[in-house]
């Protein structure tokens, strides 16, 4: 996943309404879900406000050798360096499930400009 797209996963996965829509429509494509205007309202502010935490998290993961950034700017997890389970609550699991689905949908879409446009943000 390109680093620039990875910064969009948290504000989507942590947003309760977006998570509920993803859970309610497991077979619906992400772009169709995002067409519902109320899900993208305030997205830019959510993304901006979480950016420092996301950068801090990526820094910690890189320092612990859990992720690598390739020459072309894509993130890759390092095998056997990440735990699959955290002190799990239902909400934690919902966030993890949403993040996985969003990542898969971003890969399926494959075009950063389309994703940015759907979210109403500029890179």
PDB file of N, CA and C in Angstrom:
ATOM      1  N   UNK A   1       0.848  -1.174   0.000  1.00  0.00           N
ATOM      2  CA  UNK A   1       0.000   0.000   0.000  1.00  0.00           C
ATOM      3  C   UNK A   1       0.896   1.240   0.000  1.00  0.00           C
ATOM      4  N   UNK A   2       0.596   2.206  -0.845  1.00  0.00           N
ATOM      5  CA  UNK A   2       1.350   3.452  -0.812  1.00  0.00           C
ATOM      6  C   UNK A   2       1.182   4.147   0.543  1.00  0.00           C
ATOM      7  N   UNK A   3       2.259   4.732   1.032  1.00  0.00           N
ATOM      8  CA  UNK A   3       2.223   5.404   2.332  1.00  0.00           C
ATOM      9  C   UNK A   3       1.116   6.445   2.387  1.00  0.00           C
ATOM     10  N   UNK A   4       0.946   7.192   1.313  1.00  0.00           N
ATOM     11  CA  UNK A   4      -0.074   8.252   1.328  1.00  0.00           C
ATOM     12  C   UNK A   4      -1.478   7.698   1.555  1.00  0.00           C
ATOM     13  N   UNK A   5      -1.766   6.513   1.033  1.00  0.00           N
ATOM     14  CA  UNK A   5      -3.081   5.903   1.257  1.00  0.00           C
ATOM     15  C   UNK A   5      -3.201   5.330   2.660  1.00  0.00           C
ATOM     16  N   UNK A   6      -2.092   4.867   3.213  1.00  0.00           N
ATOM     17  CA  UNK A   6      -2.142   4.293   4.561  1.00  0.00           C
ATOM     18  C   UNK A   6      -2.614   5.314   5.582  1.00  0.00           C
ATOM     19  N   UNK A   7      -2.372   6.585   5.313  1.00  0.00           N
ATOM     20  CA  UNK A   7      -2.796   7.640   6.239  1.00  0.00           C
ATOM     21  C   UNK A   7      -4.309   7.858   6.217  1.00  0.00           C
ATOM     22  N   UNK A   8      -4.995   7.294   5.235  1.00  0.00           N
ATOM     23  CA  UNK A   8      -6.446   7.433   5.132  1.00  0.00           C
ATOM     24  C   UNK A   8      -7.200   6.295   5.820  1.00  0.00           C
ATOM     25  N   UNK A   9      -6.508   5.218   6.144  1.00  0.00           N
ATOM     26  CA  UNK A   9      -7.172   4.053   6.733  1.00  0.00           C
ATOM     27  C   UNK A   9      -7.686   4.352   8.132  1.00  0.00           C
ATOM     28  N   UNK A  10      -6.864   4.934   8.985  1.00  0.00           N
ATOM     29  CA  UNK A  10      -7.286   5.190  10.372  1.00  0.00           C
ATOM     30  C   UNK A  10      -8.523   6.076  10.479  1.00  0.00           C
ATOM     31  N   UNK A  11      -8.559   7.222   9.794  1.00  0.00           N
ATOM     32  CA  UNK A  11      -9.765   8.042   9.939  1.00  0.00           C
ATOM     33  C   UNK A  11     -11.032   7.370   9.425  1.00  0.00           C
ATOM     34  N   UNK A  12     -10.892   6.396   8.538  1.00  0.00           N
ATOM     35  CA  UNK A  12     -12.057   5.635   8.078  1.00  0.00           C
ATOM     36  C   UNK A  12     -12.397   4.523   9.069  1.00  0.00           C
ATOM     37  N   UNK A  13     -11.396   3.753   9.477  1.00  0.00           N
ATOM     38  CA  UNK A  13     -11.633   2.593  10.343  1.00  0.00           C
ATOM     39  C   UNK A  13     -12.062   2.990  11.754  1.00  0.00           C
ATOM     40  N   UNK A  14     -11.601   4.133  12.228  1.00  0.00           N
ATOM     41  CA  UNK A  14     -11.951   4.566  13.584  1.00  0.00           C
ATOM     42  C   UNK A  14     -13.278   5.318  13.653  1.00  0.00           C
ATOM     43  N   UNK A  15     -13.828   5.684  12.501  1.00  0.00           N
ATOM     44  CA  UNK A  15     -15.087   6.418  12.443  1.00  0.00           C
ATOM     45  C   UNK A  15     -16.247   5.440  12.602  1.00  0.00           C
ATOM     46  N   UNK A  16     -17.002   5.578  13.676  1.00  0.00           N
ATOM     47  CA  UNK A  16     -18.071   4.639  14.011  1.00  0.00           C
ATOM     48  C   UNK A  16     -19.099   4.443  12.912  1.00  0.00           C
ATOM     49  N   UNK A  17     -19.568   5.518  12.306  1.00  0.00           N
ATOM     50  CA  UNK A  17     -20.585   5.392  11.253  1.00  0.00           C
ATOM     51  C   UNK A  17     -20.049   4.635  10.041  1.00  0.00           C
ATOM     52  N   UNK A  18     -18.799   4.893   9.683  1.00  0.00           N
ATOM     53  CA  UNK A  18     -18.205   4.190   8.545  1.00  0.00           C
ATOM     54  C   UNK A  18     -18.068   2.709   8.865  1.00  0.00           C
ATOM     55  N   UNK A  19     -17.611   2.384  10.072  1.00  0.00           N
ATOM     56  CA  UNK A  19     -17.492   0.974  10.476  1.00  0.00           C
ATOM     57  C   UNK A  19     -18.842   0.276  10.412  1.00  0.00           C
ATOM     58  N   UNK A  20     -19.886   0.951  10.908  1.00  0.00           N
ATOM     59  CA  UNK A  20     -21.230   0.354  10.888  1.00  0.00           C
ATOM     60  C   UNK A  20     -21.685   0.076   9.463  1.00  0.00           C
ATOM     61  N   UNK A  21     -21.424   1.009   8.557  1.00  0.00           N
ATOM     62  CA  UNK A  21     -21.807   0.813   7.152  1.00  0.00           C
ATOM     63  C   UNK A  21     -21.034  -0.347   6.536  1.00  0.00           C
ATOM     64  N   UNK A  22     -19.751  -0.458   6.851  1.00  0.00           N
ATOM     65  CA  UNK A  22     -18.958  -1.566   6.325  1.00  0.00           C
ATOM     66  C   UNK A  22     -19.480  -2.906   6.845  1.00  0.00           C
ATOM     67  N   UNK A  23     -19.846  -2.946   8.128  1.00  0.00           N
ATOM     68  CA  UNK A  23     -20.381  -4.176   8.719  1.00  0.00           C
ATOM     69  C   UNK A  23     -21.764  -4.503   8.165  1.00  0.00           C
ATOM     70  N   UNK A  24     -22.578  -3.476   7.966  1.00  0.00           N
ATOM     71  CA  UNK A  24     -23.951  -3.685   7.492  1.00  0.00           C
ATOM     72  C   UNK A  24     -24.017  -4.134   6.041  1.00  0.00           C
ATOM     73  N   UNK A  25     -22.998  -3.800   5.271  1.00  0.00           N
ATOM     74  CA  UNK A  25     -22.988  -4.111   3.833  1.00  0.00           C
ATOM     75  C   UNK A  25     -21.672  -4.805   3.476  1.00  0.00           C
ATOM     76  N   UNK A  26     -21.498  -6.051   3.908  1.00  0.00           N
ATOM     77  CA  UNK A  26     -20.211  -6.727   3.709  1.00  0.00           C
ATOM     78  C   UNK A  26     -19.845  -6.994   2.250  1.00  0.00           C
ATOM     79  N   UNK A  27     -20.799  -6.997   1.355  1.00  0.00           N
ATOM     80  CA  UNK A  27     -20.502  -7.280  -0.050  1.00  0.00           C
ATOM     81  C   UNK A  27     -20.496  -6.016  -0.923  1.00  0.00           C
ATOM     82  N   UNK A  28     -20.831  -4.882  -0.318  1.00  0.00           N
ATOM     83  CA  UNK A  28     -20.879  -3.631  -1.076  1.00  0.00           C
ATOM     84  C   UNK A  28     -19.476  -3.042  -1.175  1.00  0.00           C
ATOM     85  N   UNK A  29     -19.142  -2.553  -2.350  1.00  0.00           N
ATOM     86  CA  UNK A  29     -17.830  -1.947  -2.583  1.00  0.00           C
ATOM     87  C   UNK A  29     -17.679  -0.657  -1.779  1.00  0.00           C
ATOM     88  N   UNK A  30     -16.457  -0.362  -1.377  1.00  0.00           N
ATOM     89  CA  UNK A  30     -16.167   0.816  -0.565  1.00  0.00           C
ATOM     90  C   UNK A  30     -16.620   2.101  -1.250  1.00  0.00           C
ATOM     91  N   UNK A  31     -16.378   2.227  -2.544  1.00  0.00           N
ATOM     92  CA  UNK A  31     -16.767   3.453  -3.243  1.00  0.00           C
ATOM     93  C   UNK A  31     -18.272   3.676  -3.180  1.00  0.00           C
ATOM     94  N   UNK A  32     -19.048   2.624  -3.244  1.00  0.00           N
ATOM     95  CA  UNK A  32     -20.507   2.754  -3.132  1.00  0.00           C
ATOM     96  C   UNK A  32     -20.904   3.202  -1.733  1.00  0.00           C
ATOM     97  N   UNK A  33     -20.230   2.666  -0.743  1.00  0.00           N
ATOM     98  CA  UNK A  33     -20.518   3.057   0.640  1.00  0.00           C
ATOM     99  C   UNK A  33     -20.160   4.520   0.861  1.00  0.00           C
ATOM    100  N   UNK A  34     -19.019   4.943   0.305  1.00  0.00           N
ATOM    101  CA  UNK A  34     -18.568   6.329   0.503  1.00  0.00           C
ATOM    102  C   UNK A  34     -19.419   7.346  -0.246  1.00  0.00           C
ATOM    103  N   UNK A  35     -20.214   6.897  -1.203  1.00  0.00           N
ATOM    104  CA  UNK A  35     -21.098   7.818  -1.920  1.00  0.00           C
ATOM    105  C   UNK A  35     -22.140   8.421  -0.993  1.00  0.00           C
ATOM    106  N   UNK A  36     -22.386   7.779   0.145  1.00  0.00           N
ATOM    107  CA  UNK A  36     -23.307   8.331   1.128  1.00  0.00           C
ATOM    108  C   UNK A  36     -22.617   9.548   1.745  1.00  0.00           C
ATOM    109  N   UNK A  37     -23.104  10.710   1.428  1.00  0.00           N
ATOM    110  CA  UNK A  37     -22.411  11.949   1.776  1.00  0.00           C
ATOM    111  C   UNK A  37     -22.109  12.098   3.260  1.00  0.00           C
ATOM    112  N   UNK A  38     -22.948  11.560   4.129  1.00  0.00           N
ATOM    113  CA  UNK A  38     -22.698  11.764   5.557  1.00  0.00           C
ATOM    114  C   UNK A  38     -21.420  11.064   6.035  1.00  0.00           C
ATOM    115  N   UNK A  39     -20.935  10.082   5.319  1.00  0.00           N
ATOM    116  CA  UNK A  39     -19.723   9.387   5.736  1.00  0.00           C
ATOM    117  C   UNK A  39     -18.459  10.178   5.436  1.00  0.00           C
ATOM    118  N   UNK A  40     -18.506  11.015   4.416  1.00  0.00           N
ATOM    119  CA  UNK A  40     -17.316  11.785   4.074  1.00  0.00           C
ATOM    120  C   UNK A  40     -17.347  13.202   4.650  1.00  0.00           C
ATOM    121  N   UNK A  41     -18.478  13.589   5.235  1.00  0.00           N
ATOM    122  CA  UNK A  41     -18.541  14.904   5.872  1.00  0.00           C
ATOM    123  C   UNK A  41     -17.558  14.941   7.034  1.00  0.00           C
ATOM    124  N   UNK A  42     -16.698  15.918   7.038  1.00  0.00           N
ATOM    125  CA  UNK A  42     -15.712  16.061   8.111  1.00  0.00           C
ATOM    126  C   UNK A  42     -14.532  15.117   8.000  1.00  0.00           C
ATOM    127  N   UNK A  43     -14.465  14.349   6.899  1.00  0.00           N
ATOM    128  CA  UNK A  43     -13.358  13.415   6.761  1.00  0.00           C
ATOM    129  C   UNK A  43     -12.020  14.130   6.761  1.00  0.00           C
ATOM    130  N   UNK A  44     -11.952  15.255   6.050  1.00  0.00           N
ATOM    131  CA  UNK A  44     -10.685  15.982   5.974  1.00  0.00           C
ATOM    132  C   UNK A  44     -10.190  16.381   7.361  1.00  0.00           C
ATOM    133  N   UNK A  45     -11.088  16.826   8.213  1.00  0.00           N
ATOM    134  CA  UNK A  45     -10.706  17.219   9.579  1.00  0.00           C
ATOM    135  C   UNK A  45     -10.294  15.996  10.402  1.00  0.00           C
ATOM    136  N   UNK A  46     -11.037  14.887  10.256  1.00  0.00           N
ATOM    137  CA  UNK A  46     -10.661  13.650  10.968  1.00  0.00           C
ATOM    138  C   UNK A  46      -9.270  13.202  10.547  1.00  0.00           C
ATOM    139  N   UNK A  47      -9.011  13.242   9.245  1.00  0.00           N
ATOM    140  CA  UNK A  47      -7.709  12.812   8.737  1.00  0.00           C
ATOM    141  C   UNK A  47      -6.590  13.718   9.250  1.00  0.00           C
ATOM    142  N   UNK A  48      -6.828  15.021   9.235  1.00  0.00           N
ATOM    143  CA  UNK A  48      -5.815  15.967   9.722  1.00  0.00           C
ATOM    144  C   UNK A  48      -5.546  15.788  11.213  1.00  0.00           C
ATOM    145  N   UNK A  49      -6.607  15.578  11.994  1.00  0.00           N
ATOM    146  CA  UNK A  49      -6.433  15.489  13.437  1.00  0.00           C
ATOM    147  C   UNK A  49      -5.709  14.212  13.866  1.00  0.00           C
ATOM    148  N   UNK A  50      -5.831  13.162  13.090  1.00  0.00           N
ATOM    149  CA  UNK A  50      -5.197  11.890  13.458  1.00  0.00           C
ATOM    150  C   UNK A  50      -3.800  11.744  12.852  1.00  0.00           C
ATOM    151  N   UNK A  51      -3.436  12.636  11.946  1.00  0.00           N
ATOM    152  CA  UNK A  51      -2.155  12.546  11.249  1.00  0.00           C
ATOM    153  C   UNK A  51      -0.947  12.463  12.189  1.00  0.00           C
ATOM    154  N   UNK A  52      -0.835  13.299  13.218  1.00  0.00           N
ATOM    155  CA  UNK A  52       0.333  13.182  14.110  1.00  0.00           C
ATOM    156  C   UNK A  52       0.412  11.815  14.797  1.00  0.00           C
ATOM    157  N   UNK A  53      -0.738  11.261  15.180  1.00  0.00           N
ATOM    158  CA  UNK A  53      -0.741   9.940  15.814  1.00  0.00           C
ATOM    159  C   UNK A  53      -0.356   8.853  14.825  1.00  0.00           C
ATOM    160  N   UNK A  54      -0.824   8.981  13.595  1.00  0.00           N
ATOM    161  CA  UNK A  54      -0.477   8.002  12.565  1.00  0.00           C
ATOM    162  C   UNK A  54       1.021   8.029  12.289  1.00  0.00           C
ATOM    163  N   UNK A  55       1.594   9.220  12.170  1.00  0.00           N
ATOM    164  CA  UNK A  55       3.038   9.328  11.935  1.00  0.00           C
ATOM    165  C   UNK A  55       3.816   8.727  13.100  1.00  0.00           C
ATOM    166  N   UNK A  56       3.371   8.994  14.313  1.00  0.00           N
ATOM    167  CA  UNK A  56       4.034   8.435  15.491  1.00  0.00           C
ATOM    168  C   UNK A  56       3.952   6.907  15.480  1.00  0.00           C
ATOM    169  N   UNK A  57       2.779   6.371  15.134  1.00  0.00           N
ATOM    170  CA  UNK A  57       2.615   4.919  15.054  1.00  0.00           C
ATOM    171  C   UNK A  57       3.509   4.300  14.000  1.00  0.00           C
ATOM    172  N   UNK A  58       3.574   4.913  12.815  1.00  0.00           N
ATOM    173  CA  UNK A  58       4.436   4.390  11.758  1.00  0.00           C
ATOM    174  C   UNK A  58       5.910   4.471  12.157  1.00  0.00           C
ATOM    175  N   UNK A  59       6.289   5.532  12.853  1.00  0.00           N
ATOM    176  CA  UNK A  59       7.667   5.661  13.329  1.00  0.00           C
ATOM    177  C   UNK A  59       8.005   4.543  14.300  1.00  0.00           C
ATOM    178  N   UNK A  60       7.110   4.282  15.244  1.00  0.00           N
ATOM    179  CA  UNK A  60       7.326   3.210  16.209  1.00  0.00           C
ATOM    180  C   UNK A  60       7.424   1.853  15.506  1.00  0.00           C
ATOM    181  N   UNK A  61       6.528   1.598  14.561  1.00  0.00           N
ATOM    182  CA  UNK A  61       6.568   0.339  13.819  1.00  0.00           C
ATOM    183  C   UNK A  61       7.872   0.191  13.038  1.00  0.00           C
ATOM    184  N   UNK A  62       8.342   1.269  12.444  1.00  0.00           N
ATOM    185  CA  UNK A  62       9.600   1.223  11.686  1.00  0.00           C
ATOM    186  C   UNK A  62      10.789   1.006  12.624  1.00  0.00           C
ATOM    187  N   UNK A  63      10.799   1.686  13.764  1.00  0.00           N
ATOM    188  CA  UNK A  63      11.893   1.504  14.724  1.00  0.00           C
ATOM    189  C   UNK A  63      11.949   0.084  15.270  1.00  0.00           C
ATOM    190  N   UNK A  64      10.799  -0.554  15.403  1.00  0.00           N
ATOM    191  CA  UNK A  64      10.722  -1.945  15.888  1.00  0.00           C
ATOM    192  C   UNK A  64      10.862  -2.967  14.753  1.00  0.00           C
ATOM    193  N   UNK A  65      11.137  -2.464  13.547  1.00  0.00           N
ATOM    194  CA  UNK A  65      11.319  -3.307  12.364  1.00  0.00           C
ATOM    195  C   UNK A  65      10.091  -4.159  12.061  1.00  0.00           C
ATOM    196  N   UNK A  66       8.907  -3.584  12.300  1.00  0.00           N
ATOM    197  CA  UNK A  66       7.647  -4.268  11.989  1.00  0.00           C
ATOM    198  C   UNK A  66       7.149  -3.918  10.600  1.00  0.00           C
ATOM    199  N   UNK A  67       7.568  -2.772  10.093  1.00  0.00           N
ATOM    200  CA  UNK A  67       7.207  -2.362   8.731  1.00  0.00           C
ATOM    201  C   UNK A  67       8.452  -1.866   8.018  1.00  0.00           C
ATOM    202  N   UNK A  68       8.380  -1.903   6.714  1.00  0.00           N
ATOM    203  CA  UNK A  68       9.430  -1.349   5.866  1.00  0.00           C
ATOM    204  C   UNK A  68       8.772  -0.478   4.811  1.00  0.00           C
ATOM    205  N   UNK A  69       9.495   0.527   4.358  1.00  0.00           N
ATOM    206  CA  UNK A  69       9.023   1.373   3.264  1.00  0.00           C
ATOM    207  C   UNK A  69       9.916   1.084   2.065  1.00  0.00           C
ATOM    208  N   UNK A  70       9.298   0.681   0.969  1.00  0.00           N
ATOM    209  CA  UNK A  70      10.071   0.337  -0.232  1.00  0.00           C
ATOM    210  C   UNK A  70      10.539   1.602  -0.938  1.00  0.00           C
ATOM    211  N   UNK A  71      11.380   1.411  -1.927  1.00  0.00           N
ATOM    212  CA  UNK A  71      11.906   2.535  -2.716  1.00  0.00           C
ATOM    213  C   UNK A  71      10.797   3.341  -3.378  1.00  0.00           C
ATOM    214  N   UNK A  72       9.704   2.666  -3.763  1.00  0.00           N
ATOM    215  CA  UNK A  72       8.605   3.369  -4.426  1.00  0.00           C
ATOM    216  C   UNK A  72       7.562   3.887  -3.437  1.00  0.00           C
ATOM    217  N   UNK A  73       7.893   3.882  -2.127  1.00  0.00           N
ATOM    218  CA  UNK A  73       7.031   4.499  -1.122  1.00  0.00           C
ATOM    219  C   UNK A  73       5.894   3.634  -0.620  1.00  0.00           C
ATOM    220  N   UNK A  74       5.979   2.326  -0.813  1.00  0.00           N
ATOM    221  CA  UNK A  74       4.912   1.436  -0.353  1.00  0.00           C
ATOM    222  C   UNK A  74       5.295   0.801   0.976  1.00  0.00           C
ATOM    223  N   UNK A  75       4.291   0.644   1.839  1.00  0.00           N
ATOM    224  CA  UNK A  75       4.500   0.016   3.140  1.00  0.00           C
ATOM    225  C   UNK A  75       4.355  -1.487   3.026  1.00  0.00           C
ATOM    226  N   UNK A  76       5.165  -2.183   3.792  1.00  0.00           N
ATOM    227  CA  UNK A  76       5.109  -3.641   3.806  1.00  0.00           C
ATOM    228  C   UNK A  76       5.351  -4.091   5.240  1.00  0.00           C
ATOM    229  N   UNK A  77       4.510  -4.990   5.732  1.00  0.00           N
ATOM    230  CA  UNK A  77       4.745  -5.521   7.073  1.00  0.00           C
ATOM    231  C   UNK A  77       5.843  -6.573   6.998  1.00  0.00           C
ATOM    232  N   UNK A  78       6.588  -6.697   8.083  1.00  0.00           N
ATOM    233  CA  UNK A  78       7.660  -7.678   8.161  1.00  0.00           C
ATOM    234  C   UNK A  78       7.094  -8.918   8.844  1.00  0.00           C
ATOM    235  N   UNK A  79       7.235 -10.054   8.180  1.00  0.00           N
ATOM    236  CA  UNK A  79       6.680 -11.308   8.697  1.00  0.00           C
ATOM    237  C   UNK A  79       7.186 -11.594  10.108  1.00  0.00           C
ATOM    238  N   UNK A  80       6.276 -12.043  10.933  1.00  0.00           N
ATOM    239  CA  UNK A  80       6.549 -12.484  12.302  1.00  0.00           C
ATOM    240  C   UNK A  80       7.021 -11.382  13.237  1.00  0.00           C
ATOM    241  N   UNK A  81       6.815 -10.139  12.876  1.00  0.00           N
ATOM    242  CA  UNK A  81       7.193  -9.042  13.754  1.00  0.00           C
ATOM    243  C   UNK A  81       5.974  -8.356  14.375  1.00  0.00           C
ATOM    244  N   UNK A  82       4.792  -8.678  13.868  1.00  0.00           N
ATOM    245  CA  UNK A  82       3.567  -8.039  14.338  1.00  0.00           C
ATOM    246  C   UNK A  82       2.706  -9.069  15.047  1.00  0.00           C
ATOM    247  N   UNK A  83       2.126  -8.671  16.166  1.00  0.00           N
ATOM    248  CA  UNK A  83       1.167  -9.533  16.843  1.00  0.00           C
ATOM    249  C   UNK A  83      -0.174  -9.406  16.161  1.00  0.00           C
ATOM    250  N   UNK A  84      -0.885 -10.502  16.056  1.00  0.00           N
ATOM    251  CA  UNK A  84      -2.187 -10.449  15.399  1.00  0.00           C
ATOM    252  C   UNK A  84      -3.294 -10.083  16.378  1.00  0.00           C
ATOM    253  N   UNK A  85      -3.057 -10.241  17.677  1.00  0.00           N
ATOM    254  CA  UNK A  85      -4.093  -9.953  18.667  1.00  0.00           C
ATOM    255  C   UNK A  85      -3.539  -8.973  19.698  1.00  0.00           C
ATOM    256  N   UNK A  86      -4.329  -7.953  19.958  1.00  0.00           N
ATOM    257  CA  UNK A  86      -4.004  -6.959  20.979  1.00  0.00           C
ATOM    258  C   UNK A  86      -4.988  -7.206  22.106  1.00  0.00           C
ATOM    259  N   UNK A  87      -4.890  -6.507  23.234  1.00  0.00           N
ATOM    260  CA  UNK A  87      -5.906  -6.597  24.272  1.00  0.00           C
ATOM    261  C   UNK A  87      -7.246  -6.318  23.622  1.00  0.00           C
ATOM    262  N   UNK A  88      -7.898  -7.359  23.195  1.00  0.00           N
ATOM    263  CA  UNK A  88      -9.019  -7.247  22.269  1.00  0.00           C
ATOM    264  C   UNK A  88     -10.348  -6.967  22.958  1.00  0.00           C
ATOM    265  N   UNK A  89     -11.019  -5.957  22.460  1.00  0.00           N
ATOM    266  CA  UNK A  89     -12.410  -5.692  22.822  1.00  0.00           C
ATOM    267  C   UNK A  89     -13.212  -5.830  21.535  1.00  0.00           C
ATOM    268  N   UNK A  90     -14.517  -5.790  21.654  1.00  0.00           N
ATOM    269  CA  UNK A  90     -15.341  -5.878  20.451  1.00  0.00           C
ATOM    270  C   UNK A  90     -15.061  -4.697  19.516  1.00  0.00           C
ATOM    271  N   UNK A  91     -14.918  -3.503  20.102  1.00  0.00           N
ATOM    272  CA  UNK A  91     -14.649  -2.325  19.278  1.00  0.00           C
ATOM    273  C   UNK A  91     -13.274  -2.416  18.610  1.00  0.00           C
ATOM    274  N   UNK A  92     -12.273  -2.904  19.341  1.00  0.00           N
ATOM    275  CA  UNK A  92     -10.947  -3.084  18.764  1.00  0.00           C
ATOM    276  C   UNK A  92     -11.020  -4.020  17.565  1.00  0.00           C
ATOM    277  N   UNK A  93     -11.719  -5.131  17.722  1.00  0.00           N
ATOM    278  CA  UNK A  93     -11.845  -6.092  16.632  1.00  0.00           C
ATOM    279  C   UNK A  93     -12.590  -5.486  15.450  1.00  0.00           C
ATOM    280  N   UNK A  94     -13.639  -4.695  15.728  1.00  0.00           N
ATOM    281  CA  UNK A  94     -14.377  -4.023  14.654  1.00  0.00           C
ATOM    282  C   UNK A  94     -13.463  -3.073  13.879  1.00  0.00           C
ATOM    283  N   UNK A  95     -12.610  -2.334  14.594  1.00  0.00           N
ATOM    284  CA  UNK A  95     -11.673  -1.407  13.944  1.00  0.00           C
ATOM    285  C   UNK A  95     -10.663  -2.159  13.095  1.00  0.00           C
ATOM    286  N   UNK A  96     -10.131  -3.270  13.630  1.00  0.00           N
ATOM    287  CA  UNK A  96      -9.176  -4.082  12.872  1.00  0.00           C
ATOM    288  C   UNK A  96      -9.818  -4.663  11.620  1.00  0.00           C
ATOM    289  N   UNK A  97     -11.038  -5.171  11.765  1.00  0.00           N
ATOM    290  CA  UNK A  97     -11.753  -5.729  10.608  1.00  0.00           C
ATOM    291  C   UNK A  97     -11.998  -4.657   9.549  1.00  0.00           C
ATOM    292  N   UNK A  98     -12.400  -3.466  10.001  1.00  0.00           N
ATOM    293  CA  UNK A  98     -12.648  -2.367   9.066  1.00  0.00           C
ATOM    294  C   UNK A  98     -11.357  -1.971   8.353  1.00  0.00           C
ATOM    295  N   UNK A  99     -10.253  -1.885   9.089  1.00  0.00           N
ATOM    296  CA  UNK A  99      -8.972  -1.507   8.489  1.00  0.00           C
ATOM    297  C   UNK A  99      -8.537  -2.529   7.445  1.00  0.00           C
ATOM    298  N   UNK A 100      -8.718  -3.811   7.735  1.00  0.00           N
ATOM    299  CA  UNK A 100      -8.371  -4.861   6.766  1.00  0.00           C
ATOM    300  C   UNK A 100      -9.210  -4.714   5.499  1.00  0.00           C
ATOM    301  N   UNK A 101     -10.497  -4.500   5.695  1.00  0.00           N
ATOM    302  CA  UNK A 101     -11.375  -4.373   4.526  1.00  0.00           C
ATOM    303  C   UNK A 101     -11.029  -3.143   3.706  1.00  0.00           C
ATOM    304  N   UNK A 102     -10.764  -2.034   4.380  1.00  0.00           N
ATOM    305  CA  UNK A 102     -10.406  -0.798   3.674  1.00  0.00           C
ATOM    306  C   UNK A 102      -9.117  -1.006   2.881  1.00  0.00           C
ATOM    307  N   UNK A 103      -8.130  -1.651   3.487  1.00  0.00           N
ATOM    308  CA  UNK A 103      -6.883  -1.936   2.786  1.00  0.00           C
ATOM    309  C   UNK A 103      -7.108  -2.783   1.546  1.00  0.00           C
ATOM    310  N   UNK A 104      -7.932  -3.811   1.661  1.00  0.00           N
ATOM    311  CA  UNK A 104      -8.241  -4.671   0.516  1.00  0.00           C
ATOM    312  C   UNK A 104      -8.979  -3.884  -0.564  1.00  0.00           C
ATOM    313  N   UNK A 105      -9.906  -3.022  -0.147  1.00  0.00           N
ATOM    314  CA  UNK A 105     -10.651  -2.214  -1.122  1.00  0.00           C
ATOM    315  C   UNK A 105      -9.729  -1.214  -1.825  1.00  0.00           C
ATOM    316  N   UNK A 106      -8.805  -0.605  -1.071  1.00  0.00           N
ATOM    317  CA  UNK A 106      -7.849   0.309  -1.693  1.00  0.00           C
ATOM    318  C   UNK A 106      -7.034  -0.441  -2.747  1.00  0.00           C
ATOM    319  N   UNK A 107      -6.609  -1.658  -2.428  1.00  0.00           N
ATOM    320  CA  UNK A 107      -5.834  -2.457  -3.385  1.00  0.00           C
ATOM    321  C   UNK A 107      -6.681  -2.798  -4.614  1.00  0.00           C
ATOM    322  N   UNK A 108      -7.948  -3.128  -4.391  1.00  0.00           N
ATOM    323  CA  UNK A 108      -8.833  -3.472  -5.502  1.00  0.00           C
ATOM    324  C   UNK A 108      -9.046  -2.266  -6.405  1.00  0.00           C
ATOM    325  N   UNK A 109      -9.255  -1.095  -5.797  1.00  0.00           N
ATOM    326  CA  UNK A 109      -9.469   0.131  -6.583  1.00  0.00           C
ATOM    327  C   UNK A 109      -8.201   0.454  -7.371  1.00  0.00           C
ATOM    328  N   UNK A 110      -7.065   0.427  -6.696  1.00  0.00           N
ATOM    329  CA  UNK A 110      -5.781   0.562  -7.366  1.00  0.00           C
ATOM    330  C   UNK A 110      -5.413   1.928  -7.897  1.00  0.00           C
ATOM    331  N   UNK A 111      -6.232   2.930  -7.687  1.00  0.00           N
ATOM    332  CA  UNK A 111      -5.945   4.264  -8.215  1.00  0.00           C
ATOM    333  C   UNK A 111      -6.110   5.289  -7.097  1.00  0.00           C
ATOM    334  N   UNK A 112      -4.999   5.888  -6.708  1.00  0.00           N
ATOM    335  CA  UNK A 112      -5.040   6.857  -5.603  1.00  0.00           C
ATOM    336  C   UNK A 112      -5.985   8.020  -5.883  1.00  0.00           C
ATOM    337  N   UNK A 113      -5.967   8.523  -7.105  1.00  0.00           N
ATOM    338  CA  UNK A 113      -6.805   9.680  -7.438  1.00  0.00           C
ATOM    339  C   UNK A 113      -8.283   9.363  -7.228  1.00  0.00           C
ATOM    340  N   UNK A 114      -8.708   8.161  -7.584  1.00  0.00           N
ATOM    341  CA  UNK A 114     -10.107   7.757  -7.396  1.00  0.00           C
ATOM    342  C   UNK A 114     -10.458   7.729  -5.915  1.00  0.00           C
ATOM    343  N   UNK A 115      -9.555   7.211  -5.106  1.00  0.00           N
ATOM    344  CA  UNK A 115      -9.796   7.135  -3.656  1.00  0.00           C
ATOM    345  C   UNK A 115      -9.874   8.525  -3.049  1.00  0.00           C
ATOM    346  N   UNK A 116      -8.914   9.374  -3.409  1.00  0.00           N
ATOM    347  CA  UNK A 116      -8.938  10.752  -2.897  1.00  0.00           C
ATOM    348  C   UNK A 116     -10.213  11.476  -3.306  1.00  0.00           C
ATOM    349  N   UNK A 117     -10.614  11.310  -4.555  1.00  0.00           N
ATOM    350  CA  UNK A 117     -11.815  11.975  -5.042  1.00  0.00           C
ATOM    351  C   UNK A 117     -13.050  11.482  -4.284  1.00  0.00           C
ATOM    352  N   UNK A 118     -13.137  10.188  -4.049  1.00  0.00           N
ATOM    353  CA  UNK A 118     -14.281   9.627  -3.322  1.00  0.00           C
ATOM    354  C   UNK A 118     -14.364  10.171  -1.905  1.00  0.00           C
ATOM    355  N   UNK A 119     -13.201  10.471  -1.320  1.00  0.00           N
ATOM    356  CA  UNK A 119     -13.183  11.000   0.048  1.00  0.00           C
ATOM    357  C   UNK A 119     -13.248  12.521   0.086  1.00  0.00           C
ATOM    358  N   UNK A 120     -13.182  13.149  -1.076  1.00  0.00           N
ATOM    359  CA  UNK A 120     -13.272  14.604  -1.134  1.00  0.00           C
ATOM    360  C   UNK A 120     -12.038  15.314  -0.626  1.00  0.00           C
ATOM    361  N   UNK A 121     -10.867  14.684  -0.793  1.00  0.00           N
ATOM    362  CA  UNK A 121      -9.613  15.307  -0.359  1.00  0.00           C
ATOM    363  C   UNK A 121      -8.648  15.367  -1.517  1.00  0.00           C
ATOM    364  N   UNK A 122      -7.671  16.250  -1.382  1.00  0.00           N
ATOM    365  CA  UNK A 122      -6.601  16.342  -2.364  1.00  0.00           C
ATOM    366  C   UNK A 122      -5.335  15.797  -1.731  1.00  0.00           C
ATOM    367  N   UNK A 123      -4.508  15.084  -2.515  1.00  0.00           N
ATOM    368  CA  UNK A 123      -3.264  14.521  -1.963  1.00  0.00           C
ATOM    369  C   UNK A 123      -2.297  15.581  -1.486  1.00  0.00           C
TER     370      UNK A 123
END
